[in-house]
C-alpha cells in the first residue's frame, strides 16, 4: 500500500513538473521576422494581416500566417521545439521568449517573440528601397485582367480537348507582394477556373514588376502546390503579358494548359499582328471584338461581364 502511494506521489510530482515546464512556454509569440533566401524582413512587410504563434496547453498550437491559421502540435526539450502540421514535422528553437522556426515547407525561417523579449536586431537585412519596390509591384499586379487559356497534349479522357480554348477574366489583389488571384472562364459559370495565393518577389525580374510564384490554391478543382506557377512578365514577347503554364491530372487523364492575360483596358493589336507569324498560338481572346467595343464605350470590367450571364 505504501509503495503504491509513493509511486503515485512520484508520478504526480513528475507530471506536475512537466506541466509547470509546459506552462512557462504557453502564450502568444508575435511575428517579428521572416527570412527567405538569406535575407530577413519584418514579418509585417512579408505577410498580410496579424501574424503570431500561440502555444497552448496540451501540446496544441496555432500559427497565424498571412491570414491563415495553421493548427499544430508541439513539444519542447532543452529549448528545442518540434512541431507537426498534418503529420509533417518541422523544428525550431526557444530561448528567452524568442522562437525561431525552420518552416521549410515554405522555405522560410520565422522568428516570433513574446512581449518585451529581446530580439537580436542584426538579423534584419531589409534592403534599401524595399518598401518602395513592394509598393510598385502591388500597383502592377493588383487589378482586373483579361485574356484566354488553352489545353495542350491531352491524354486519356482529355485527348479530345487538345486545342480547346476559352476566354478568361481574372482579378488580382496583392498587398505587400502577397494576395489572391481568381480566374473565371467566361460563359462557364460562377465557379472559378482557378484561384490561389500569389507571392511577388520584387528583387528579381523587371523592376516594378518582379517575379511571382503561386502558393496554395486550386485549378479546376485540382489542389495546387507551392511553385506550380512561376510568372515572369519580362520573359514574354508582349508588354504586360502574363503567361502562366501548368499541368492538370486526375484519374481520367491529364493535360498541359497555358493562360495568357493582360491588364484590363490594354489592347492586343500587337499580338494580332504577330499571330500571323505564330508567335502566340491563336493570338487573341475569342471575344476580343466585344472587349474592344466595351473599352470604346467606356464600359467597366463589370459591365463587360454582364455579356456573360452564366458568370453573373
Foldseek 3Di string as FASTA:
>chain_A
DVVVVVVVVVVVVVVVVQQVVLVVPFDKWWWAWKDAPQAIDGLCLQAPDTFIKGQDPPQWIWTQTNNDIFTWGWDDDPQKIWIAGPRRIWIWGDDQFKIWTCPPLVRIITITGDPPGDDDPVRHDQDPCLVVQLVLQQVLQAAKKKFKKAWADWDFVCPVRHGPMFIKIKGWGDDSQKTKIFIPGFQPAADTQWMFMKGFDCVDADGSHGKIWTDFIDGNNHTDHTRQWIWHQNPDPDPQWTWTKHKDDDPRTIIIMIIIIHHQLDAQVVQVVCVVVVSDVVRGHPCRVLSVVCVVVVHDVVVSSVVRVRND
